[in-house]
Amino acid sequence: MSTNITFHPGSVDAQERVGFLKQTGVTIWLTGLSASGKSTIACALEQHLLHLHKFTYRLDGDNVRLGLNKDLGFDEKSRIENIRRIGEVSKLFADSACIAITAFISPYRADRQVVRELHEKGGLGFIEVFVDAPLSVVEQRDPKGLYKAARAGTIKDFTGISAPYEAPEIPDIHIRTDECDVTTAVEVIIEYLAKYNYIS
């Protein structure tokens, strides 16, 4: 990394942003297996928050890989870099007082912890949401046919089949999508945001 770089502070501080926008920036980090329901919940949550007149934005794993992270593959090194980048991006959104919603498999606990610590170091909220569904359920859903392809060996390093997924041990929110619908999942997250004064 270059050493001749200096952080340039702006004229607007965090308190001023929060005061004008009447909300506190936070990253809601949805993690779970492919087809567990992360993107579905993220879309519904973003819409719900917007209808509450909250400044919010959704960062989805596939979408980010079409642009910012299109140079990355799915090997372990690339997965780590994928999460590092999106961790930095979500931190910037949260710093702007935005409610950033991220939907990424993010299979490694260590990587998710790095992102949490990045936010905490900046005095920003980070909420880890474990979008949980058994492997048998997500394989049955398989909307993109990825599990079938992974079982056939045509997709390598596929999380849950030929690559590990390290489930959160103590997530801030645990949602079992085989036991609840999207509306309930969104309600659980909204209640958490209100309880900890991210929204009012």
C-alpha atoms as a PDB file:
ATOM      1  CA  MET A   1       0.000   0.000   0.000  1.00  0.00           C
ATOM      2  CA  SER A   2       1.241   3.493  -0.790  1.00  0.00           C
ATOM      3  CA  THR A   3       2.538   5.438   2.208  1.00  0.00           C
ATOM      4  CA  ASN A   4       1.953   8.937   0.854  1.00  0.00           C
ATOM      5  CA  ILE A   5      -1.807   8.883   1.525  1.00  0.00           C
ATOM      6  CA  THR A   6      -3.512  11.097   4.109  1.00  0.00           C
ATOM      7  CA  PHE A   7      -7.133  10.817   5.225  1.00  0.00           C
ATOM      8  CA  HIS A   8      -9.042  13.967   4.259  1.00  0.00           C
ATOM      9  CA  PRO A   9     -11.826  14.741   6.748  1.00  0.00           C
ATOM     10  CA  GLY A  10     -14.983  16.378   5.454  1.00  0.00           C
ATOM     11  CA  SER A  11     -17.001  19.298   6.772  1.00  0.00           C
ATOM     12  CA  VAL A  12     -19.949  17.107   7.817  1.00  0.00           C
ATOM     13  CA  ASP A  13     -19.571  14.934  10.906  1.00  0.00           C
ATOM     14  CA  ALA A  14     -21.508  11.808  11.838  1.00  0.00           C
ATOM     15  CA  GLN A  15     -23.685  13.604  14.379  1.00  0.00           C
ATOM     16  CA  GLU A  16     -24.822  16.153  11.811  1.00  0.00           C
ATOM     17  CA  ARG A  17     -25.765  13.415   9.337  1.00  0.00           C
ATOM     18  CA  VAL A  18     -27.694  11.489  11.961  1.00  0.00           C
ATOM     19  CA  GLY A  19     -29.458  14.672  13.061  1.00  0.00           C
ATOM     20  CA  PHE A  20     -30.624  15.590   9.577  1.00  0.00           C
ATOM     21  CA  LEU A  21     -31.502  12.072   8.413  1.00  0.00           C
ATOM     22  CA  LYS A  22     -32.982  11.035  11.777  1.00  0.00           C
ATOM     23  CA  GLN A  23     -31.435   7.575  11.642  1.00  0.00           C
ATOM     24  CA  THR A  24     -28.175   5.892  12.591  1.00  0.00           C
ATOM     25  CA  GLY A  25     -26.009   4.159  10.027  1.00  0.00           C
ATOM     26  CA  VAL A  26     -25.646   0.412  10.375  1.00  0.00           C
ATOM     27  CA  THR A  27     -24.771  -2.611   8.271  1.00  0.00           C
ATOM     28  CA  ILE A  28     -27.195  -5.537   8.333  1.00  0.00           C
ATOM     29  CA  TRP A  29     -25.094  -8.484   7.211  1.00  0.00           C
ATOM     30  CA  LEU A  30     -27.177 -11.417   5.940  1.00  0.00           C
ATOM     31  CA  THR A  31     -25.144 -14.632   5.808  1.00  0.00           C
ATOM     32  CA  GLY A  32     -26.216 -18.164   4.912  1.00  0.00           C
ATOM     33  CA  LEU A  33     -26.109 -20.870   2.289  1.00  0.00           C
ATOM     34  CA  SER A  34     -27.104 -20.226  -1.311  1.00  0.00           C
ATOM     35  CA  ALA A  35     -30.928 -20.375  -1.590  1.00  0.00           C
ATOM     36  CA  SER A  36     -31.376 -19.866   2.158  1.00  0.00           C
ATOM     37  CA  GLY A  37     -33.373 -16.696   1.445  1.00  0.00           C
ATOM     38  CA  LYS A  38     -30.814 -13.921   1.945  1.00  0.00           C
ATOM     39  CA  SER A  39     -31.562 -11.965  -1.233  1.00  0.00           C
ATOM     40  CA  THR A  40     -35.330 -12.386  -0.855  1.00  0.00           C
ATOM     41  CA  ILE A  41     -35.234 -11.030   2.698  1.00  0.00           C
ATOM     42  CA  ALA A  42     -32.809  -8.240   1.714  1.00  0.00           C
ATOM     43  CA  CYS A  43     -35.131  -7.039  -1.077  1.00  0.00           C
ATOM     44  CA  ALA A  44     -38.201  -7.075   1.162  1.00  0.00           C
ATOM     45  CA  LEU A  45     -36.343  -5.376   4.012  1.00  0.00           C
ATOM     46  CA  GLU A  46     -35.016  -2.631   1.736  1.00  0.00           C
ATOM     47  CA  GLN A  47     -38.514  -1.934   0.426  1.00  0.00           C
ATOM     48  CA  HIS A  48     -40.021  -1.914   3.920  1.00  0.00           C
ATOM     49  CA  LEU A  49     -37.392   0.503   5.243  1.00  0.00           C
ATOM     50  CA  LEU A  50     -37.821   2.783   2.241  1.00  0.00           C
ATOM     51  CA  HIS A  51     -41.573   2.894   2.886  1.00  0.00           C
ATOM     52  CA  LEU A  52     -40.701   3.966   6.439  1.00  0.00           C
ATOM     53  CA  HIS A  53     -38.798   6.863   4.778  1.00  0.00           C
ATOM     54  CA  LYS A  54     -35.411   5.467   5.784  1.00  0.00           C
ATOM     55  CA  PHE A  55     -32.219   5.938   3.791  1.00  0.00           C
ATOM     56  CA  THR A  56     -31.271   2.382   2.882  1.00  0.00           C
ATOM     57  CA  TYR A  57     -29.414   0.456   0.187  1.00  0.00           C
ATOM     58  CA  ARG A  58     -28.999  -3.221  -0.626  1.00  0.00           C
ATOM     59  CA  LEU A  59     -25.699  -4.811  -1.665  1.00  0.00           C
ATOM     60  CA  ASP A  60     -26.248  -8.264  -3.165  1.00  0.00           C
ATOM     61  CA  GLY A  61     -23.546 -10.872  -3.731  1.00  0.00           C
ATOM     62  CA  ASP A  62     -24.309 -11.616  -7.388  1.00  0.00           C
ATOM     63  CA  ASN A  63     -24.796  -7.942  -8.239  1.00  0.00           C
ATOM     64  CA  VAL A  64     -21.473  -6.893  -6.717  1.00  0.00           C
ATOM     65  CA  ARG A  65     -19.687  -9.662  -8.633  1.00  0.00           C
ATOM     66  CA  LEU A  66     -21.031  -8.156 -11.872  1.00  0.00           C
ATOM     67  CA  GLY A  67     -19.093  -4.954 -11.228  1.00  0.00           C
ATOM     68  CA  LEU A  68     -16.787  -4.173  -8.318  1.00  0.00           C
ATOM     69  CA  ASN A  69     -15.748  -7.791  -7.788  1.00  0.00           C
ATOM     70  CA  LYS A  70     -15.999  -9.146 -11.335  1.00  0.00           C
ATOM     71  CA  ASP A  71     -12.275  -9.939 -11.263  1.00  0.00           C
ATOM     72  CA  LEU A  72     -12.730 -12.467  -8.434  1.00  0.00           C
ATOM     73  CA  GLY A  73     -13.381 -16.195  -8.622  1.00  0.00           C
ATOM     74  CA  PHE A  74     -14.730 -18.585  -5.985  1.00  0.00           C
ATOM     75  CA  ASP A  75     -11.532 -20.073  -4.581  1.00  0.00           C
ATOM     76  CA  GLU A  76     -10.803 -19.387  -0.914  1.00  0.00           C
ATOM     77  CA  LYS A  77      -8.486 -16.430  -1.583  1.00  0.00           C
ATOM     78  CA  SER A  78     -11.046 -14.770  -3.876  1.00  0.00           C
ATOM     79  CA  ARG A  79     -13.877 -15.336  -1.396  1.00  0.00           C
ATOM     80  CA  ILE A  80     -11.844 -13.646   1.340  1.00  0.00           C
ATOM     81  CA  GLU A  81     -11.085 -10.654  -0.901  1.00  0.00           C
ATOM     82  CA  ASN A  82     -14.757 -10.498  -1.974  1.00  0.00           C
ATOM     83  CA  ILE A  83     -15.852 -10.077   1.635  1.00  0.00           C
ATOM     84  CA  ARG A  84     -13.010  -7.685   2.474  1.00  0.00           C
ATOM     85  CA  ARG A  85     -14.078  -5.341  -0.323  1.00  0.00           C
ATOM     86  CA  ILE A  86     -17.763  -5.437   0.463  1.00  0.00           C
ATOM     87  CA  GLY A  87     -16.952  -4.952   4.144  1.00  0.00           C
ATOM     88  CA  GLU A  88     -15.181  -1.704   3.267  1.00  0.00           C
ATOM     89  CA  VAL A  89     -18.027  -0.620   0.984  1.00  0.00           C
ATOM     90  CA  SER A  90     -20.737  -1.370   3.543  1.00  0.00           C
ATOM     91  CA  LYS A  91     -18.735   0.566   6.143  1.00  0.00           C
ATOM     92  CA  LEU A  92     -18.776   3.624   3.869  1.00  0.00           C
ATOM     93  CA  PHE A  93     -22.546   3.320   3.473  1.00  0.00           C
ATOM     94  CA  ALA A  94     -23.032   2.971   7.239  1.00  0.00           C
ATOM     95  CA  ASP A  95     -20.760   5.960   7.822  1.00  0.00           C
ATOM     96  CA  SER A  96     -23.099   8.019   5.612  1.00  0.00           C
ATOM     97  CA  ALA A  97     -25.942   7.135   8.069  1.00  0.00           C
ATOM     98  CA  CYS A  98     -27.354   4.675   5.548  1.00  0.00           C
ATOM     99  CA  ILE A  99     -28.873   1.368   6.602  1.00  0.00           C
ATOM    100  CA  ALA A 100     -26.751  -0.911   4.424  1.00  0.00           C
ATOM    101  CA  ILE A 101     -28.194  -4.367   3.774  1.00  0.00           C
ATOM    102  CA  THR A 102     -25.734  -6.964   2.501  1.00  0.00           C
ATOM    103  CA  ALA A 103     -26.663 -10.428   1.210  1.00  0.00           C
ATOM    104  CA  PHE A 104     -23.537 -12.564   0.867  1.00  0.00           C
ATOM    105  CA  ILE A 105     -22.896 -16.224   1.617  1.00  0.00           C
ATOM    106  CA  SER A 106     -19.711 -15.047   3.400  1.00  0.00           C
ATOM    107  CA  PRO A 107     -18.809 -18.590   4.459  1.00  0.00           C
ATOM    108  CA  TYR A 108     -15.903 -17.922   6.824  1.00  0.00           C
ATOM    109  CA  ARG A 109     -16.372 -16.759  10.431  1.00  0.00           C
ATOM    110  CA  ALA A 110     -12.991 -15.028  10.466  1.00  0.00           C
ATOM    111  CA  ASP A 111     -13.930 -12.858   7.475  1.00  0.00           C
ATOM    112  CA  ARG A 112     -17.248 -11.838   9.009  1.00  0.00           C
ATOM    113  CA  GLN A 113     -15.437 -10.991  12.258  1.00  0.00           C
ATOM    114  CA  VAL A 114     -12.989  -8.785  10.348  1.00  0.00           C
ATOM    115  CA  VAL A 115     -15.922  -6.847   8.873  1.00  0.00           C
ATOM    116  CA  ARG A 116     -17.556  -6.517  12.307  1.00  0.00           C
ATOM    117  CA  GLU A 117     -14.327  -5.191  13.811  1.00  0.00           C
ATOM    118  CA  LEU A 118     -13.916  -2.771  10.889  1.00  0.00           C
ATOM    119  CA  HIS A 119     -17.322  -1.287  11.714  1.00  0.00           C
ATOM    120  CA  GLU A 120     -16.748  -1.271  15.473  1.00  0.00           C
ATOM    121  CA  LYS A 121     -13.413   0.517  15.024  1.00  0.00           C
ATOM    122  CA  GLY A 122     -15.284   3.253  13.149  1.00  0.00           C
ATOM    123  CA  GLY A 123     -18.008   3.442  15.801  1.00  0.00           C
ATOM    124  CA  LEU A 124     -20.543   1.951  13.389  1.00  0.00           C
ATOM    125  CA  GLY A 125     -23.254  -0.636  13.960  1.00  0.00           C
ATOM    126  CA  PHE A 126     -22.948  -4.139  12.542  1.00  0.00           C
ATOM    127  CA  ILE A 127     -25.757  -6.695  12.775  1.00  0.00           C
ATOM    128  CA  GLU A 128     -24.996 -10.267  11.743  1.00  0.00           C
ATOM    129  CA  VAL A 129     -28.151 -12.055  10.590  1.00  0.00           C
ATOM    130  CA  PHE A 130     -27.878 -15.811  10.139  1.00  0.00           C
ATOM    131  CA  VAL A 131     -30.361 -16.748   7.401  1.00  0.00           C
ATOM    132  CA  ASP A 132     -30.565 -20.401   8.263  1.00  0.00           C
ATOM    133  CA  ALA A 133     -32.068 -23.287   6.312  1.00  0.00           C
ATOM    134  CA  PRO A 134     -30.967 -26.942   6.326  1.00  0.00           C
ATOM    135  CA  LEU A 135     -28.941 -28.172   3.369  1.00  0.00           C
ATOM    136  CA  SER A 136     -31.776 -30.529   2.423  1.00  0.00           C
ATOM    137  CA  VAL A 137     -34.159 -27.555   2.165  1.00  0.00           C
ATOM    138  CA  VAL A 138     -31.884 -25.284   0.123  1.00  0.00           C
ATOM    139  CA  GLU A 139     -31.071 -28.168  -2.225  1.00  0.00           C
ATOM    140  CA  GLN A 140     -34.773 -28.702  -2.761  1.00  0.00           C
ATOM    141  CA  ARG A 141     -35.289 -25.010  -3.515  1.00  0.00           C
ATOM    142  CA  ASP A 142     -32.203 -24.678  -5.767  1.00  0.00           C
ATOM    143  CA  PRO A 143     -33.683 -21.858  -7.930  1.00  0.00           C
ATOM    144  CA  LYS A 144     -30.559 -21.529 -10.082  1.00  0.00           C
ATOM    145  CA  GLY A 145     -29.772 -25.249 -10.340  1.00  0.00           C
ATOM    146  CA  LEU A 146     -26.432 -24.664  -8.609  1.00  0.00           C
ATOM    147  CA  TYR A 147     -26.677 -27.476  -6.073  1.00  0.00           C
ATOM    148  CA  LYS A 148     -27.549 -29.954  -8.803  1.00  0.00           C
ATOM    149  CA  ALA A 149     -24.529 -28.799 -10.807  1.00  0.00           C
ATOM    150  CA  ALA A 150     -22.298 -28.957  -7.724  1.00  0.00           C
ATOM    151  CA  ARG A 151     -23.434 -32.503  -6.955  1.00  0.00           C
ATOM    152  CA  ALA A 152     -22.682 -33.436 -10.572  1.00  0.00           C
ATOM    153  CA  GLY A 153     -19.192 -31.970 -10.197  1.00  0.00           C
ATOM    154  CA  THR A 154     -19.614 -29.272 -12.850  1.00  0.00           C
ATOM    155  CA  ILE A 155     -19.264 -26.480 -10.244  1.00  0.00           C
ATOM    156  CA  LYS A 156     -16.173 -26.642  -8.064  1.00  0.00           C
ATOM    157  CA  ASP A 157     -15.737 -25.076  -4.603  1.00  0.00           C
ATOM    158  CA  PHE A 158     -19.472 -24.741  -4.031  1.00  0.00           C
ATOM    159  CA  THR A 159     -20.384 -23.742  -0.486  1.00  0.00           C
ATOM    160  CA  GLY A 160     -22.186 -26.446   1.443  1.00  0.00           C
ATOM    161  CA  ILE A 161     -21.191 -29.182  -1.021  1.00  0.00           C
ATOM    162  CA  SER A 162     -17.497 -29.008  -1.897  1.00  0.00           C
ATOM    163  CA  ALA A 163     -16.523 -25.948   0.146  1.00  0.00           C
ATOM    164  CA  PRO A 164     -17.250 -25.206   3.818  1.00  0.00           C
ATOM    165  CA  TYR A 165     -19.817 -22.897   5.365  1.00  0.00           C
ATOM    166  CA  GLU A 166     -19.011 -21.838   8.915  1.00  0.00           C
ATOM    167  CA  ALA A 167     -22.303 -20.925  10.545  1.00  0.00           C
ATOM    168  CA  PRO A 168     -22.343 -18.011  13.015  1.00  0.00           C
ATOM    169  CA  GLU A 169     -21.972 -19.232  16.579  1.00  0.00           C
ATOM    170  CA  ILE A 170     -23.704 -16.245  18.198  1.00  0.00           C
ATOM    171  CA  PRO A 171     -25.460 -14.208  15.473  1.00  0.00           C
ATOM    172  CA  ASP A 172     -27.230 -11.004  16.451  1.00  0.00           C
ATOM    173  CA  ILE A 173     -30.351 -12.351  14.716  1.00  0.00           C
ATOM    174  CA  HIS A 174     -31.095 -15.977  13.779  1.00  0.00           C
ATOM    175  CA  ILE A 175     -33.815 -16.546  11.181  1.00  0.00           C
ATOM    176  CA  ARG A 176     -34.929 -20.062  10.222  1.00  0.00           C
ATOM    177  CA  THR A 177     -36.386 -19.635   6.738  1.00  0.00           C
ATOM    178  CA  ASP A 178     -37.746 -23.188   6.739  1.00  0.00           C
ATOM    179  CA  GLU A 179     -39.917 -22.145   9.691  1.00  0.00           C
ATOM    180  CA  CYS A 180     -41.024 -18.595   8.811  1.00  0.00           C
ATOM    181  CA  ASP A 181     -42.021 -16.511   5.790  1.00  0.00           C
ATOM    182  CA  VAL A 182     -40.357 -13.380   4.402  1.00  0.00           C
ATOM    183  CA  THR A 183     -42.795 -11.014   6.135  1.00  0.00           C
ATOM    184  CA  THR A 184     -41.968 -12.497   9.535  1.00  0.00           C
ATOM    185  CA  ALA A 185     -38.232 -12.347   8.811  1.00  0.00           C
ATOM    186  CA  VAL A 186     -38.469  -8.650   7.960  1.00  0.00           C
ATOM    187  CA  GLU A 187     -40.526  -7.970  11.098  1.00  0.00           C
ATOM    188  CA  VAL A 188     -37.855  -9.615  13.266  1.00  0.00           C
ATOM    189  CA  ILE A 189     -35.126  -7.402  11.792  1.00  0.00           C
ATOM    190  CA  ILE A 190     -37.240  -4.222  12.024  1.00  0.00           C
ATOM    191  CA  GLU A 191     -37.985  -4.953  15.689  1.00  0.00           C
ATOM    192  CA  TYR A 192     -34.260  -5.357  16.341  1.00  0.00           C
ATOM    193  CA  LEU A 193     -33.459  -2.046  14.607  1.00  0.00           C
ATOM    194  CA  ALA A 194     -36.089  -0.255  16.692  1.00  0.00           C
ATOM    195  CA  LYS A 195     -35.003  -1.923  19.952  1.00  0.00           C
ATOM    196  CA  TYR A 196     -31.405  -0.759  19.514  1.00  0.00           C
ATOM    197  CA  ASN A 197     -32.414   2.725  18.280  1.00  0.00           C
ATOM    198  CA  TYR A 198     -31.180   2.432  14.701  1.00  0.00           C
ATOM    199  CA  ILE A 199     -34.643   3.567  13.609  1.00  0.00           C
ATOM    200  CA  SER A 200     -37.543   5.211  15.388  1.00  0.00           C
END
